[in-house]
């Protein structure tokens, strides 16, 4: 199963799904991580440029997230907005809020093994 984890730096779990710079996609088979693919979140890059240039609020095409991560079975994140969560779940992905202090591979492995505990938050905390 492929498990996607949003990240700003490729080393930690992002607290905000939509603003993450990239997604680490771990591919697990029989309890072992076979690979970790990096997928760039082009929307986050464009949103950052738009905010810098125009002072505008970030916006996302939530459907683009489903297309980018549609081959995954789950998304583990530190926080996610309602719209993005709905689109991902409608596309068949399980979305789980986790402690962003966990190491990404550790979180993915715990999820694959069925022992991952959900985090305390249920949203992204955006104003």
N, C-alpha and C. Protein backbone atom coordinates (compact mmCIF):
# COMPACT_ATOMS: atom_id res chain seq x y z
N UNK A 1 0.83 -1.18 0.00
CA UNK A 1 0.00 0.00 0.00
C UNK A 1 0.88 1.24 0.00
N UNK A 2 0.45 2.23 -0.76
CA UNK A 2 1.16 3.51 -0.77
C UNK A 2 0.54 4.45 0.25
N UNK A 3 1.42 5.09 1.03
CA UNK A 3 1.00 6.00 2.09
C UNK A 3 1.67 7.34 1.85
N UNK A 4 0.86 8.39 1.68
CA UNK A 4 1.38 9.73 1.40
C UNK A 4 1.47 10.54 2.68
N UNK A 5 2.57 11.27 2.81
CA UNK A 5 2.79 12.14 3.97
C UNK A 5 3.27 13.50 3.47
N UNK A 6 2.52 14.57 3.77
CA UNK A 6 2.95 15.90 3.36
C UNK A 6 4.12 16.38 4.21
N UNK A 7 5.02 17.13 3.58
CA UNK A 7 6.20 17.61 4.28
C UNK A 7 6.67 18.93 3.68
N UNK A 8 7.28 19.74 4.50
CA UNK A 8 7.91 20.97 4.01
C UNK A 8 9.36 20.71 3.62
N UNK A 9 10.00 19.74 4.30
CA UNK A 9 11.44 19.57 4.16
C UNK A 9 11.90 18.15 3.82
N UNK A 10 10.97 17.23 3.67
CA UNK A 10 11.35 15.84 3.38
C UNK A 10 11.85 15.07 4.58
N UNK A 11 11.76 15.69 5.77
CA UNK A 11 12.25 15.03 6.97
C UNK A 11 11.21 15.03 8.10
N UNK A 12 10.13 15.79 7.94
CA UNK A 12 9.12 15.89 8.99
C UNK A 12 7.73 15.95 8.37
N UNK A 13 6.72 15.69 9.20
CA UNK A 13 5.33 15.74 8.76
C UNK A 13 4.83 17.17 8.85
N UNK A 14 4.25 17.64 7.77
CA UNK A 14 3.73 19.01 7.72
C UNK A 14 2.47 19.15 8.57
N UNK A 15 2.35 20.30 9.24
CA UNK A 15 1.16 20.59 10.03
C UNK A 15 0.01 21.07 9.14
N UNK A 16 0.29 21.39 7.89
CA UNK A 16 -0.75 21.87 6.97
C UNK A 16 -0.61 21.17 5.64
N UNK A 17 -1.51 20.25 5.35
CA UNK A 17 -1.49 19.44 4.14
C UNK A 17 -1.32 20.28 2.87
N UNK A 18 -2.20 21.23 2.64
CA UNK A 18 -2.23 21.99 1.39
C UNK A 18 -1.03 22.87 1.15
N UNK A 19 -0.40 23.33 2.21
CA UNK A 19 0.76 24.22 2.06
C UNK A 19 2.09 23.47 2.03
N UNK A 20 2.05 22.16 2.19
CA UNK A 20 3.30 21.40 2.18
C UNK A 20 3.96 21.50 0.81
N UNK A 21 5.27 21.50 0.81
CA UNK A 21 6.01 21.64 -0.45
C UNK A 21 6.06 20.34 -1.25
N UNK A 22 5.95 19.23 -0.53
CA UNK A 22 6.08 17.94 -1.19
C UNK A 22 5.31 16.88 -0.43
N UNK A 23 5.14 15.75 -1.09
CA UNK A 23 4.53 14.58 -0.46
C UNK A 23 5.51 13.43 -0.57
N UNK A 24 5.78 12.79 0.56
CA UNK A 24 6.59 11.58 0.57
C UNK A 24 5.61 10.42 0.43
N UNK A 25 5.80 9.60 -0.57
CA UNK A 25 4.90 8.47 -0.81
C UNK A 25 5.68 7.18 -0.54
N UNK A 26 5.36 6.58 0.59
CA UNK A 26 6.00 5.33 0.99
C UNK A 26 5.19 4.18 0.41
N UNK A 27 5.88 3.21 -0.17
CA UNK A 27 5.23 2.03 -0.72
C UNK A 27 5.58 0.84 0.17
N UNK A 28 4.58 0.34 0.89
CA UNK A 28 4.80 -0.77 1.80
C UNK A 28 4.29 -2.07 1.21
N UNK A 29 5.03 -3.13 1.46
CA UNK A 29 4.62 -4.46 1.06
C UNK A 29 5.07 -5.42 2.14
N UNK A 30 4.14 -6.16 2.70
CA UNK A 30 4.41 -7.14 3.75
C UNK A 30 5.22 -6.53 4.90
N UNK A 31 4.81 -5.32 5.33
CA UNK A 31 5.43 -4.69 6.48
C UNK A 31 6.77 -4.01 6.23
N UNK A 32 7.20 -3.94 4.98
CA UNK A 32 8.48 -3.33 4.67
C UNK A 32 8.29 -2.18 3.69
N UNK A 33 9.02 -1.08 3.93
CA UNK A 33 8.99 0.04 3.00
C UNK A 33 9.86 -0.33 1.81
N UNK A 34 9.23 -0.49 0.65
CA UNK A 34 9.98 -0.83 -0.56
C UNK A 34 10.60 0.41 -1.18
N UNK A 35 9.92 1.54 -1.04
CA UNK A 35 10.44 2.77 -1.64
C UNK A 35 9.80 3.99 -1.01
N UNK A 36 10.42 5.14 -1.26
CA UNK A 36 9.86 6.43 -0.88
C UNK A 36 10.03 7.37 -2.06
N UNK A 37 8.92 7.74 -2.65
CA UNK A 37 8.92 8.64 -3.81
C UNK A 37 8.56 10.04 -3.33
N UNK A 38 9.21 11.04 -3.91
CA UNK A 38 8.90 12.44 -3.59
C UNK A 38 8.05 13.02 -4.72
N UNK A 39 6.90 13.58 -4.34
CA UNK A 39 6.03 14.24 -5.31
C UNK A 39 5.89 15.71 -4.90
N UNK A 40 6.20 16.59 -5.81
CA UNK A 40 6.19 18.03 -5.54
C UNK A 40 4.75 18.55 -5.55
N UNK A 41 4.44 19.38 -4.57
CA UNK A 41 3.13 20.03 -4.50
C UNK A 41 3.24 21.36 -5.24
N UNK A 42 3.01 21.34 -6.54
CA UNK A 42 3.11 22.55 -7.36
C UNK A 42 2.17 23.64 -6.92
N UNK A 43 1.04 23.27 -6.32
CA UNK A 43 0.10 24.28 -5.85
C UNK A 43 0.68 25.11 -4.71
N UNK A 44 1.42 24.48 -3.83
CA UNK A 44 2.01 25.21 -2.71
C UNK A 44 3.03 26.22 -3.21
N UNK A 45 3.79 25.83 -4.21
CA UNK A 45 4.78 26.74 -4.78
C UNK A 45 4.09 27.93 -5.42
N UNK A 46 3.05 27.67 -6.22
CA UNK A 46 2.32 28.75 -6.87
C UNK A 46 1.62 29.64 -5.86
N UNK A 47 1.02 29.06 -4.82
CA UNK A 47 0.35 29.84 -3.79
C UNK A 47 1.32 30.76 -3.06
N UNK A 48 2.51 30.25 -2.77
CA UNK A 48 3.52 31.07 -2.10
C UNK A 48 3.94 32.24 -2.98
N UNK A 49 4.10 31.99 -4.25
CA UNK A 49 4.45 33.08 -5.18
C UNK A 49 3.33 34.11 -5.26
N UNK A 50 2.08 33.64 -5.34
CA UNK A 50 0.95 34.55 -5.41
C UNK A 50 0.83 35.40 -4.15
N UNK A 51 1.02 34.78 -2.98
CA UNK A 51 0.95 35.53 -1.73
C UNK A 51 2.06 36.58 -1.67
N UNK A 52 3.26 36.20 -2.10
CA UNK A 52 4.38 37.12 -2.06
C UNK A 52 4.16 38.30 -3.01
N UNK A 53 3.70 38.01 -4.21
CA UNK A 53 3.52 39.04 -5.23
C UNK A 53 2.30 39.92 -4.99
N UNK A 54 1.22 39.30 -4.54
CA UNK A 54 -0.04 40.02 -4.49
C UNK A 54 -0.65 40.11 -3.10
N UNK A 55 -0.02 39.53 -2.12
CA UNK A 55 -0.56 39.56 -0.77
C UNK A 55 -1.85 38.79 -0.64
N UNK A 56 -2.12 37.93 -1.60
CA UNK A 56 -3.38 37.18 -1.61
C UNK A 56 -3.36 35.98 -0.69
N UNK A 57 -4.55 35.51 -0.38
CA UNK A 57 -4.72 34.32 0.44
C UNK A 57 -4.49 33.08 -0.43
N UNK A 58 -3.95 32.04 0.17
CA UNK A 58 -3.70 30.82 -0.59
C UNK A 58 -5.01 30.17 -1.02
N UNK A 59 -4.97 29.51 -2.15
CA UNK A 59 -6.13 28.76 -2.65
C UNK A 59 -5.62 27.46 -3.27
N UNK A 60 -6.45 26.46 -3.22
CA UNK A 60 -6.04 25.15 -3.74
C UNK A 60 -7.12 24.59 -4.65
N UNK A 61 -6.70 23.83 -5.64
CA UNK A 61 -7.58 23.00 -6.43
C UNK A 61 -7.55 21.65 -5.73
N UNK A 62 -8.50 21.40 -4.87
CA UNK A 62 -8.49 20.18 -4.08
C UNK A 62 -8.48 18.93 -4.95
N UNK A 63 -9.10 19.00 -6.11
CA UNK A 63 -9.10 17.86 -7.02
C UNK A 63 -7.70 17.50 -7.48
N UNK A 64 -6.81 18.50 -7.57
CA UNK A 64 -5.43 18.23 -7.98
C UNK A 64 -4.72 17.35 -6.95
N UNK A 65 -5.07 17.51 -5.68
CA UNK A 65 -4.47 16.65 -4.65
C UNK A 65 -4.90 15.20 -4.87
N UNK A 66 -6.18 15.01 -5.18
CA UNK A 66 -6.68 13.65 -5.42
C UNK A 66 -6.01 13.04 -6.64
N UNK A 67 -5.78 13.85 -7.67
CA UNK A 67 -5.10 13.33 -8.87
C UNK A 67 -3.64 12.99 -8.57
N UNK A 68 -2.98 13.83 -7.80
CA UNK A 68 -1.57 13.62 -7.47
C UNK A 68 -1.37 12.39 -6.58
N UNK A 69 -2.31 12.16 -5.67
CA UNK A 69 -2.14 11.10 -4.68
C UNK A 69 -3.14 9.95 -4.86
N UNK A 70 -3.83 9.92 -5.98
CA UNK A 70 -4.91 8.96 -6.20
C UNK A 70 -4.50 7.50 -6.16
N UNK A 71 -3.23 7.19 -6.35
CA UNK A 71 -2.79 5.80 -6.30
C UNK A 71 -2.42 5.37 -4.88
N UNK A 72 -2.58 6.26 -3.91
CA UNK A 72 -2.26 5.95 -2.51
C UNK A 72 -3.50 5.42 -1.80
N UNK A 73 -3.27 4.71 -0.74
CA UNK A 73 -4.37 4.20 0.07
C UNK A 73 -4.68 5.08 1.25
N UNK A 74 -3.69 5.90 1.66
CA UNK A 74 -3.86 6.73 2.84
C UNK A 74 -2.99 7.98 2.77
N UNK A 75 -3.44 9.00 3.51
CA UNK A 75 -2.68 10.23 3.70
C UNK A 75 -2.58 10.44 5.20
N UNK A 76 -1.38 10.62 5.70
CA UNK A 76 -1.14 10.90 7.11
C UNK A 76 -0.60 12.31 7.21
N UNK A 77 -1.27 13.19 7.95
CA UNK A 77 -0.84 14.58 8.00
C UNK A 77 -1.05 15.17 9.39
N UNK A 78 -0.36 16.27 9.64
CA UNK A 78 -0.48 16.97 10.91
C UNK A 78 -1.74 17.81 10.99
N UNK A 79 -2.30 18.17 9.85
CA UNK A 79 -3.51 18.96 9.78
C UNK A 79 -3.96 19.07 8.34
N UNK A 80 -5.28 19.21 8.14
CA UNK A 80 -5.83 19.29 6.79
C UNK A 80 -7.16 20.02 6.85
N UNK A 81 -7.42 20.84 5.86
CA UNK A 81 -8.68 21.55 5.79
C UNK A 81 -9.82 20.63 5.38
N UNK A 82 -11.03 21.07 5.66
CA UNK A 82 -12.22 20.27 5.41
C UNK A 82 -12.38 19.93 3.93
N UNK A 83 -12.18 20.90 3.05
CA UNK A 83 -12.37 20.67 1.61
C UNK A 83 -11.41 19.63 1.06
N UNK A 84 -10.15 19.76 1.39
CA UNK A 84 -9.16 18.80 0.91
C UNK A 84 -9.45 17.41 1.46
N UNK A 85 -9.82 17.35 2.72
CA UNK A 85 -10.12 16.05 3.33
C UNK A 85 -11.29 15.37 2.62
N UNK A 86 -12.34 16.13 2.35
CA UNK A 86 -13.51 15.58 1.68
C UNK A 86 -13.17 15.01 0.31
N UNK A 87 -12.40 15.78 -0.47
CA UNK A 87 -12.03 15.34 -1.81
C UNK A 87 -11.19 14.07 -1.76
N UNK A 88 -10.22 14.02 -0.86
CA UNK A 88 -9.36 12.84 -0.75
C UNK A 88 -10.17 11.61 -0.32
N UNK A 89 -11.04 11.79 0.66
CA UNK A 89 -11.84 10.66 1.12
C UNK A 89 -12.81 10.20 0.03
N UNK A 90 -13.38 11.14 -0.70
CA UNK A 90 -14.27 10.78 -1.80
C UNK A 90 -13.52 9.99 -2.87
N UNK A 91 -12.23 10.27 -3.04
CA UNK A 91 -11.40 9.55 -4.01
C UNK A 91 -10.95 8.19 -3.47
N UNK A 92 -11.34 7.86 -2.24
CA UNK A 92 -11.03 6.55 -1.69
C UNK A 92 -9.82 6.48 -0.79
N UNK A 93 -9.22 7.63 -0.46
CA UNK A 93 -8.05 7.63 0.42
C UNK A 93 -8.51 7.76 1.87
N UNK A 94 -7.86 7.04 2.75
CA UNK A 94 -8.10 7.20 4.18
C UNK A 94 -7.23 8.37 4.63
N UNK A 95 -7.82 9.33 5.33
CA UNK A 95 -7.09 10.50 5.82
C UNK A 95 -7.02 10.42 7.33
N UNK A 96 -5.82 10.53 7.86
CA UNK A 96 -5.63 10.43 9.30
C UNK A 96 -4.74 11.57 9.78
N UNK A 97 -5.20 12.29 10.78
CA UNK A 97 -4.40 13.34 11.42
C UNK A 97 -3.50 12.64 12.43
N UNK A 98 -2.21 12.93 12.35
CA UNK A 98 -1.23 12.29 13.24
C UNK A 98 -0.39 13.35 13.93
N UNK A 99 0.34 12.94 14.91
CA UNK A 99 1.26 13.83 15.62
C UNK A 99 2.36 14.24 14.65
N UNK A 100 2.48 15.56 14.33
CA UNK A 100 3.51 15.98 13.38
C UNK A 100 4.93 15.80 13.91
N UNK A 101 5.07 15.44 15.17
CA UNK A 101 6.39 15.19 15.73
C UNK A 101 6.94 13.81 15.38
N UNK A 102 6.10 12.94 14.83
CA UNK A 102 6.57 11.61 14.41
C UNK A 102 7.45 11.73 13.17
N UNK A 103 8.40 10.84 13.06
CA UNK A 103 9.19 10.76 11.83
C UNK A 103 8.28 10.19 10.74
N UNK A 104 8.34 10.71 9.52
CA UNK A 104 7.44 10.25 8.46
C UNK A 104 7.45 8.74 8.23
N UNK A 105 8.62 8.14 8.10
CA UNK A 105 8.65 6.69 7.86
C UNK A 105 8.11 5.92 9.05
N UNK A 106 8.38 6.41 10.27
CA UNK A 106 7.85 5.78 11.47
C UNK A 106 6.31 5.80 11.46
N UNK A 107 5.74 6.95 11.10
CA UNK A 107 4.28 7.07 11.04
C UNK A 107 3.71 6.14 9.97
N UNK A 108 4.33 6.11 8.80
CA UNK A 108 3.86 5.25 7.71
C UNK A 108 3.94 3.77 8.11
N UNK A 109 5.02 3.40 8.75
CA UNK A 109 5.18 2.00 9.17
C UNK A 109 4.12 1.63 10.22
N UNK A 110 3.89 2.52 11.19
CA UNK A 110 2.89 2.25 12.23
C UNK A 110 1.50 2.14 11.61
N UNK A 111 1.21 2.98 10.61
CA UNK A 111 -0.08 2.89 9.93
C UNK A 111 -0.20 1.55 9.21
N UNK A 112 0.84 1.18 8.48
CA UNK A 112 0.85 -0.08 7.74
C UNK A 112 0.64 -1.27 8.68
N UNK A 113 1.19 -1.18 9.88
CA UNK A 113 1.06 -2.26 10.86
C UNK A 113 -0.25 -2.20 11.64
N UNK A 114 -1.02 -1.11 11.45
CA UNK A 114 -2.31 -0.98 12.13
C UNK A 114 -2.22 -0.52 13.56
N UNK A 115 -1.08 0.10 13.95
CA UNK A 115 -0.91 0.53 15.34
C UNK A 115 -0.75 2.04 15.50
N UNK A 116 -0.94 2.80 14.43
CA UNK A 116 -0.78 4.25 14.51
C UNK A 116 -1.93 4.88 15.27
N UNK A 117 -1.58 5.70 16.26
CA UNK A 117 -2.58 6.42 17.04
C UNK A 117 -2.86 7.76 16.38
N UNK A 118 -4.14 8.15 16.20
CA UNK A 118 -4.44 9.45 15.61
C UNK A 118 -3.98 10.58 16.51
N UNK A 119 -3.69 11.74 15.88
CA UNK A 119 -3.30 12.92 16.64
C UNK A 119 -4.50 13.57 17.30
N UNK A 120 -4.27 14.66 18.00
CA UNK A 120 -5.34 15.33 18.75
C UNK A 120 -6.15 16.30 17.92
N UNK A 121 -5.58 16.80 16.84
CA UNK A 121 -6.25 17.79 16.02
C UNK A 121 -7.15 17.11 14.99
N UNK A 122 -8.14 17.85 14.50
CA UNK A 122 -8.97 17.30 13.44
C UNK A 122 -9.07 18.26 12.26
N UNK A 123 -8.20 19.25 12.20
CA UNK A 123 -8.21 20.20 11.10
C UNK A 123 -6.87 20.83 10.94
N UNK A 124 -6.80 21.85 10.08
CA UNK A 124 -5.51 22.47 9.80
C UNK A 124 -5.24 23.67 10.70
N UNK A 125 -6.26 24.18 11.37
CA UNK A 125 -6.05 25.31 12.26
C UNK A 125 -5.88 26.64 11.56
N UNK A 126 -6.25 26.71 10.28
CA UNK A 126 -6.15 27.97 9.55
C UNK A 126 -7.16 28.98 10.06
N UNK A 127 -6.81 30.27 10.02
CA UNK A 127 -7.77 31.29 10.43
C UNK A 127 -8.93 31.40 9.47
